[in-house]
Amino acid sequence: MQTNEFEKAYGDFIERREYDEAQNALFMVVRISFEAGWKAAGGEPPTPHKIFELVLPEADDKEQEKE
């Protein structure tokens, strides 16, 4: 078990933007490596898909909000 000082320092470290950037880079390296192995083993490449989609209110919803 680590000391409270260590846990606070580690918590401060993982809350930094640089940690997020490094974590994203590592994730992409692992994903690209896995995909290369998958394809080499004869698997179908993954189909691209949307990560998120914006849902805008319908025109009649805007009119109801005005009333």
PDB file of N, CA and C in Angstrom:
ATOM      1  N   MET A   1       0.847  -1.180   0.000  1.00  0.00           N
ATOM      2  CA  MET A   1       0.000   0.000   0.000  1.00  0.00           C
ATOM      3  C   MET A   1       0.889   1.237   0.000  1.00  0.00           C
ATOM      4  N   GLN A   2       0.480   2.243  -0.750  1.00  0.00           N
ATOM      5  CA  GLN A   2       1.272   3.463  -0.874  1.00  0.00           C
ATOM      6  C   GLN A   2       0.832   4.500   0.151  1.00  0.00           C
ATOM      7  N   THR A   3       1.690   5.486   0.347  1.00  0.00           N
ATOM      8  CA  THR A   3       1.383   6.549   1.305  1.00  0.00           C
ATOM      9  C   THR A   3       0.357   7.524   0.721  1.00  0.00           C
ATOM     10  N   ASN A   4      -0.252   8.294   1.584  1.00  0.00           N
ATOM     11  CA  ASN A   4      -1.201   9.321   1.134  1.00  0.00           C
ATOM     12  C   ASN A   4      -0.514  10.333   0.232  1.00  0.00           C
ATOM     13  N   GLU A   5       0.744  10.646   0.528  1.00  0.00           N
ATOM     14  CA  GLU A   5       1.504  11.597  -0.289  1.00  0.00           C
ATOM     15  C   GLU A   5       1.660  11.049  -1.719  1.00  0.00           C
ATOM     16  N   PHE A   6       1.991   9.765  -1.823  1.00  0.00           N
ATOM     17  CA  PHE A   6       2.124   9.128  -3.131  1.00  0.00           C
ATOM     18  C   PHE A   6       0.793   9.166  -3.877  1.00  0.00           C
ATOM     19  N   GLU A   7      -0.291   8.788  -3.207  1.00  0.00           N
ATOM     20  CA  GLU A   7      -1.611   8.742  -3.849  1.00  0.00           C
ATOM     21  C   GLU A   7      -2.032  10.117  -4.341  1.00  0.00           C
ATOM     22  N   LYS A   8      -1.751  11.169  -3.564  1.00  0.00           N
ATOM     23  CA  LYS A   8      -2.085  12.521  -4.002  1.00  0.00           C
ATOM     24  C   LYS A   8      -1.252  12.908  -5.208  1.00  0.00           C
ATOM     25  N   ALA A   9       0.040  12.622  -5.169  1.00  0.00           N
ATOM     26  CA  ALA A   9       0.907  12.962  -6.300  1.00  0.00           C
ATOM     27  C   ALA A   9       0.475  12.212  -7.555  1.00  0.00           C
ATOM     28  N   TYR A  10       0.116  10.941  -7.407  1.00  0.00           N
ATOM     29  CA  TYR A  10      -0.336  10.149  -8.551  1.00  0.00           C
ATOM     30  C   TYR A  10      -1.658  10.701  -9.087  1.00  0.00           C
ATOM     31  N   GLY A  11      -2.578  11.043  -8.199  1.00  0.00           N
ATOM     32  CA  GLY A  11      -3.853  11.633  -8.607  1.00  0.00           C
ATOM     33  C   GLY A  11      -3.648  12.933  -9.360  1.00  0.00           C
ATOM     34  N   ASP A  12      -2.745  13.769  -8.866  1.00  0.00           N
ATOM     35  CA  ASP A  12      -2.435  15.026  -9.554  1.00  0.00           C
ATOM     36  C   ASP A  12      -1.851  14.746 -10.942  1.00  0.00           C
ATOM     37  N   PHE A  13      -1.017  13.728 -11.034  1.00  0.00           N
ATOM     38  CA  PHE A  13      -0.385  13.359 -12.303  1.00  0.00           C
ATOM     39  C   PHE A  13      -1.417  12.918 -13.332  1.00  0.00           C
ATOM     40  N   ILE A  14      -2.350  12.065 -12.942  1.00  0.00           N
ATOM     41  CA  ILE A  14      -3.309  11.549 -13.932  1.00  0.00           C
ATOM     42  C   ILE A  14      -4.385  12.561 -14.289  1.00  0.00           C
ATOM     43  N   GLU A  15      -4.460  13.669 -13.575  1.00  0.00           N
ATOM     44  CA  GLU A  15      -5.424  14.716 -13.905  1.00  0.00           C
ATOM     45  C   GLU A  15      -4.869  15.723 -14.907  1.00  0.00           C
ATOM     46  N   ARG A  16      -3.633  15.538 -15.346  1.00  0.00           N
ATOM     47  CA  ARG A  16      -3.005  16.493 -16.263  1.00  0.00           C
ATOM     48  C   ARG A  16      -3.334  16.169 -17.714  1.00  0.00           C
ATOM     49  N   ARG A  17      -3.322  17.195 -18.538  1.00  0.00           N
ATOM     50  CA  ARG A  17      -3.573  17.055 -19.974  1.00  0.00           C
ATOM     51  C   ARG A  17      -2.533  16.136 -20.618  1.00  0.00           C
ATOM     52  N   GLU A  18      -1.292  16.233 -20.185  1.00  0.00           N
ATOM     53  CA  GLU A  18      -0.228  15.402 -20.758  1.00  0.00           C
ATOM     54  C   GLU A  18      -0.502  13.918 -20.539  1.00  0.00           C
ATOM     55  N   TYR A  19      -1.080  13.567 -19.397  1.00  0.00           N
ATOM     56  CA  TYR A  19      -1.426  12.170 -19.136  1.00  0.00           C
ATOM     57  C   TYR A  19      -2.496  11.713 -20.117  1.00  0.00           C
ATOM     58  N   ASP A  20      -3.512  12.539 -20.338  1.00  0.00           N
ATOM     59  CA  ASP A  20      -4.571  12.179 -21.293  1.00  0.00           C
ATOM     60  C   ASP A  20      -4.003  11.970 -22.688  1.00  0.00           C
ATOM     61  N   GLU A  21      -3.087  12.855 -23.102  1.00  0.00           N
ATOM     62  CA  GLU A  21      -2.479  12.720 -24.420  1.00  0.00           C
ATOM     63  C   GLU A  21      -1.661  11.428 -24.522  1.00  0.00           C
ATOM     64  N   ALA A  22      -0.900  11.118 -23.484  1.00  0.00           N
ATOM     65  CA  ALA A  22      -0.097   9.892 -23.483  1.00  0.00           C
ATOM     66  C   ALA A  22      -1.000   8.660 -23.478  1.00  0.00           C
ATOM     67  N   GLN A  23      -2.073   8.699 -22.712  1.00  0.00           N
ATOM     68  CA  GLN A  23      -3.002   7.577 -22.651  1.00  0.00           C
ATOM     69  C   GLN A  23      -3.657   7.349 -24.015  1.00  0.00           C
ATOM     70  N   ASN A  24      -4.050   8.435 -24.680  1.00  0.00           N
ATOM     71  CA  ASN A  24      -4.644   8.315 -26.007  1.00  0.00           C
ATOM     72  C   ASN A  24      -3.647   7.737 -27.005  1.00  0.00           C
ATOM     73  N   ALA A  25      -2.387   8.179 -26.938  1.00  0.00           N
ATOM     74  CA  ALA A  25      -1.360   7.662 -27.840  1.00  0.00           C
ATOM     75  C   ALA A  25      -1.134   6.168 -27.611  1.00  0.00           C
ATOM     76  N   LEU A  26      -1.069   5.743 -26.362  1.00  0.00           N
ATOM     77  CA  LEU A  26      -0.897   4.322 -26.066  1.00  0.00           C
ATOM     78  C   LEU A  26      -2.086   3.503 -26.549  1.00  0.00           C
ATOM     79  N   PHE A  27      -3.286   4.024 -26.367  1.00  0.00           N
ATOM     80  CA  PHE A  27      -4.482   3.338 -26.839  1.00  0.00           C
ATOM     81  C   PHE A  27      -4.414   3.139 -28.350  1.00  0.00           C
ATOM     82  N   MET A  28      -4.028   4.191 -29.082  1.00  0.00           N
ATOM     83  CA  MET A  28      -3.965   4.092 -30.540  1.00  0.00           C
ATOM     84  C   MET A  28      -2.894   3.092 -30.977  1.00  0.00           C
ATOM     85  N   VAL A  29      -1.760   3.049 -30.298  1.00  0.00           N
ATOM     86  CA  VAL A  29      -0.710   2.088 -30.636  1.00  0.00           C
ATOM     87  C   VAL A  29      -1.225   0.662 -30.445  1.00  0.00           C
ATOM     88  N   VAL A  30      -1.890   0.409 -29.342  1.00  0.00           N
ATOM     89  CA  VAL A  30      -2.428  -0.927 -29.075  1.00  0.00           C
ATOM     90  C   VAL A  30      -3.494  -1.279 -30.103  1.00  0.00           C
ATOM     91  N   ARG A  31      -4.378  -0.342 -30.411  1.00  0.00           N
ATOM     92  CA  ARG A  31      -5.452  -0.603 -31.379  1.00  0.00           C
ATOM     93  C   ARG A  31      -4.882  -0.879 -32.766  1.00  0.00           C
ATOM     94  N   ILE A  32      -3.935  -0.067 -33.220  1.00  0.00           N
ATOM     95  CA  ILE A  32      -3.323  -0.259 -34.537  1.00  0.00           C
ATOM     96  C   ILE A  32      -2.597  -1.597 -34.590  1.00  0.00           C
ATOM     97  N   SER A  33      -1.905  -1.949 -33.517  1.00  0.00           N
ATOM     98  CA  SER A  33      -1.203  -3.239 -33.468  1.00  0.00           C
ATOM     99  C   SER A  33      -2.186  -4.398 -33.515  1.00  0.00           C
ATOM    100  N   PHE A  34      -3.251  -4.292 -32.762  1.00  0.00           N
ATOM    101  CA  PHE A  34      -4.260  -5.352 -32.764  1.00  0.00           C
ATOM    102  C   PHE A  34      -4.885  -5.497 -34.147  1.00  0.00           C
ATOM    103  N   GLU A  35      -5.206  -4.377 -34.777  1.00  0.00           N
ATOM    104  CA  GLU A  35      -5.811  -4.419 -36.111  1.00  0.00           C
ATOM    105  C   GLU A  35      -4.862  -5.058 -37.121  1.00  0.00           C
ATOM    106  N   ALA A  36      -3.573  -4.746 -37.043  1.00  0.00           N
ATOM    107  CA  ALA A  36      -2.597  -5.351 -37.951  1.00  0.00           C
ATOM    108  C   ALA A  36      -2.535  -6.860 -37.744  1.00  0.00           C
ATOM    109  N   GLY A  37      -2.519  -7.306 -36.498  1.00  0.00           N
ATOM    110  CA  GLY A  37      -2.523  -8.746 -36.204  1.00  0.00           C
ATOM    111  C   GLY A  37      -3.809  -9.409 -36.664  1.00  0.00           C
ATOM    112  N   TRP A  38      -4.914  -8.732 -36.474  1.00  0.00           N
ATOM    113  CA  TRP A  38      -6.221  -9.248 -36.885  1.00  0.00           C
ATOM    114  C   TRP A  38      -6.249  -9.481 -38.393  1.00  0.00           C
ATOM    115  N   LYS A  39      -5.793  -8.459 -39.138  1.00  0.00           N
ATOM    116  CA  LYS A  39      -5.764  -8.574 -40.596  1.00  0.00           C
ATOM    117  C   LYS A  39      -4.789  -9.663 -41.035  1.00  0.00           C
ATOM    118  N   ALA A  40      -3.630  -9.757 -40.390  1.00  0.00           N
ATOM    119  CA  ALA A  40      -2.632 -10.762 -40.747  1.00  0.00           C
ATOM    120  C   ALA A  40      -3.158 -12.175 -40.513  1.00  0.00           C
ATOM    121  N   ALA A  41      -4.051 -12.320 -39.546  1.00  0.00           N
ATOM    122  CA  ALA A  41      -4.628 -13.627 -39.253  1.00  0.00           C
ATOM    123  C   ALA A  41      -5.832 -13.933 -40.143  1.00  0.00           C
ATOM    124  N   GLY A  42      -6.129 -13.028 -41.077  1.00  0.00           N
ATOM    125  CA  GLY A  42      -7.220 -13.276 -42.007  1.00  0.00           C
ATOM    126  C   GLY A  42      -8.541 -12.685 -41.602  1.00  0.00           C
ATOM    127  N   GLY A  43      -8.565 -11.900 -40.558  1.00  0.00           N
ATOM    128  CA  GLY A  43      -9.815 -11.279 -40.119  1.00  0.00           C
ATOM    129  C   GLY A  43     -10.195 -10.111 -41.007  1.00  0.00           C
ATOM    130  N   GLU A  44     -11.467  -9.818 -41.038  1.00  0.00           N
ATOM    131  CA  GLU A  44     -11.955  -8.673 -41.803  1.00  0.00           C
ATOM    132  C   GLU A  44     -11.611  -7.388 -41.050  1.00  0.00           C
ATOM    133  N   PRO A  45     -11.191  -6.358 -41.783  1.00  0.00           N
ATOM    134  CA  PRO A  45     -10.918  -5.088 -41.088  1.00  0.00           C
ATOM    135  C   PRO A  45     -12.210  -4.526 -40.497  1.00  0.00           C
ATOM    136  N   PRO A  46     -12.121  -3.848 -39.383  1.00  0.00           N
ATOM    137  CA  PRO A  46     -13.331  -3.294 -38.772  1.00  0.00           C
ATOM    138  C   PRO A  46     -13.949  -2.223 -39.675  1.00  0.00           C
ATOM    139  N   THR A  47     -15.257  -2.172 -39.689  1.00  0.00           N
ATOM    140  CA  THR A  47     -15.929  -1.138 -40.470  1.00  0.00           C
ATOM    141  C   THR A  47     -15.951   0.151 -39.667  1.00  0.00           C
ATOM    142  N   PRO A  48     -15.622   1.251 -40.335  1.00  0.00           N
ATOM    143  CA  PRO A  48     -15.645   2.525 -39.617  1.00  0.00           C
ATOM    144  C   PRO A  48     -17.074   2.870 -39.186  1.00  0.00           C
ATOM    145  N   HIS A  49     -17.204   3.488 -38.051  1.00  0.00           N
ATOM    146  CA  HIS A  49     -18.510   3.924 -37.583  1.00  0.00           C
ATOM    147  C   HIS A  49     -18.370   5.247 -36.839  1.00  0.00           C
ATOM    148  N   LYS A  50     -19.469   5.939 -36.739  1.00  0.00           N
ATOM    149  CA  LYS A  50     -19.470   7.225 -36.057  1.00  0.00           C
ATOM    150  C   LYS A  50     -19.264   7.015 -34.562  1.00  0.00           C
ATOM    151  N   ILE A  51     -18.452   7.868 -33.986  1.00  0.00           N
ATOM    152  CA  ILE A  51     -18.237   7.802 -32.544  1.00  0.00           C
ATOM    153  C   ILE A  51     -19.419   8.443 -31.824  1.00  0.00           C
ATOM    154  N   PHE A  52     -19.904   9.542 -32.382  1.00  0.00           N
ATOM    155  CA  PHE A  52     -21.070  10.192 -31.808  1.00  0.00           C
ATOM    156  C   PHE A  52     -21.823  10.897 -32.924  1.00  0.00           C
ATOM    157  N   GLU A  53     -23.052  11.252 -32.659  1.00  0.00           N
ATOM    158  CA  GLU A  53     -23.878  11.950 -33.632  1.00  0.00           C
ATOM    159  C   GLU A  53     -24.648  13.044 -32.919  1.00  0.00           C
ATOM    160  N   LEU A  54     -24.611  14.230 -33.493  1.00  0.00           N
ATOM    161  CA  LEU A  54     -25.365  15.335 -32.918  1.00  0.00           C
ATOM    162  C   LEU A  54     -26.836  15.176 -33.271  1.00  0.00           C
ATOM    163  N   VAL A  55     -27.682  15.348 -32.291  1.00  0.00           N
ATOM    164  CA  VAL A  55     -29.124  15.269 -32.507  1.00  0.00           C
ATOM    165  C   VAL A  55     -29.677  16.668 -32.289  1.00  0.00           C
ATOM    166  N   LEU A  56     -30.177  17.244 -33.384  1.00  0.00           N
ATOM    167  CA  LEU A  56     -30.720  18.598 -33.321  1.00  0.00           C
ATOM    168  C   LEU A  56     -32.232  18.527 -33.182  1.00  0.00           C
ATOM    169  N   PRO A  57     -32.826  19.491 -32.494  1.00  0.00           N
ATOM    170  CA  PRO A  57     -34.282  19.481 -32.342  1.00  0.00           C
ATOM    171  C   PRO A  57     -34.963  19.673 -33.695  1.00  0.00           C
ATOM    172  N   GLU A  58     -36.119  19.082 -33.836  1.00  0.00           N
ATOM    173  CA  GLU A  58     -36.908  19.221 -35.062  1.00  0.00           C
ATOM    174  C   GLU A  58     -37.454  20.643 -35.157  1.00  0.00           C
ATOM    175  N   ALA A  59     -37.828  21.070 -36.354  1.00  0.00           N
ATOM    176  CA  ALA A  59     -38.335  22.426 -36.573  1.00  0.00           C
ATOM    177  C   ALA A  59     -39.593  22.681 -35.739  1.00  0.00           C
ATOM    178  N   ASP A  60     -40.520  21.704 -35.663  1.00  0.00           N
ATOM    179  CA  ASP A  60     -41.744  21.911 -34.894  1.00  0.00           C
ATOM    180  C   ASP A  60     -41.469  21.948 -33.383  1.00  0.00           C
ATOM    181  N   ASP A  61     -40.371  21.309 -32.932  1.00  0.00           N
ATOM    182  CA  ASP A  61     -39.995  21.409 -31.517  1.00  0.00           C
ATOM    183  C   ASP A  61     -39.599  22.827 -31.163  1.00  0.00           C
ATOM    184  N   LYS A  62     -38.935  23.515 -32.098  1.00  0.00           N
ATOM    185  CA  LYS A  62     -38.517  24.898 -31.852  1.00  0.00           C
ATOM    186  C   LYS A  62     -39.742  25.800 -31.743  1.00  0.00           C
ATOM    187  N   GLU A  63     -40.752  25.526 -32.584  1.00  0.00           N
ATOM    188  CA  GLU A  63     -41.958  26.341 -32.544  1.00  0.00           C
ATOM    189  C   GLU A  63     -42.689  26.161 -31.212  1.00  0.00           C
ATOM    190  N   GLN A  64     -42.710  24.935 -30.695  1.00  0.00           N
ATOM    191  CA  GLN A  64     -43.381  24.677 -29.424  1.00  0.00           C
ATOM    192  C   GLN A  64     -42.662  25.378 -28.274  1.00  0.00           C
ATOM    193  N   GLU A  65     -41.326  25.482 -28.373  1.00  0.00           N
ATOM    194  CA  GLU A  65     -40.555  26.136 -27.323  1.00  0.00           C
ATOM    195  C   GLU A  65     -40.862  27.625 -27.280  1.00  0.00           C
ATOM    196  N   LYS A  66     -41.187  28.225 -28.436  1.00  0.00           N
ATOM    197  CA  LYS A  66     -41.492  29.651 -28.492  1.00  0.00           C
ATOM    198  C   LYS A  66     -42.815  29.970 -27.818  1.00  0.00           C
ATOM    199  N   GLU A  67     -43.753  29.033 -27.811  1.00  0.00           N
ATOM    200  CA  GLU A  67     -45.093  29.264 -27.260  1.00  0.00           C
ATOM    201  C   GLU A  67     -45.109  29.305 -25.777  1.00  0.00           C
TER     202      GLU A  67
END
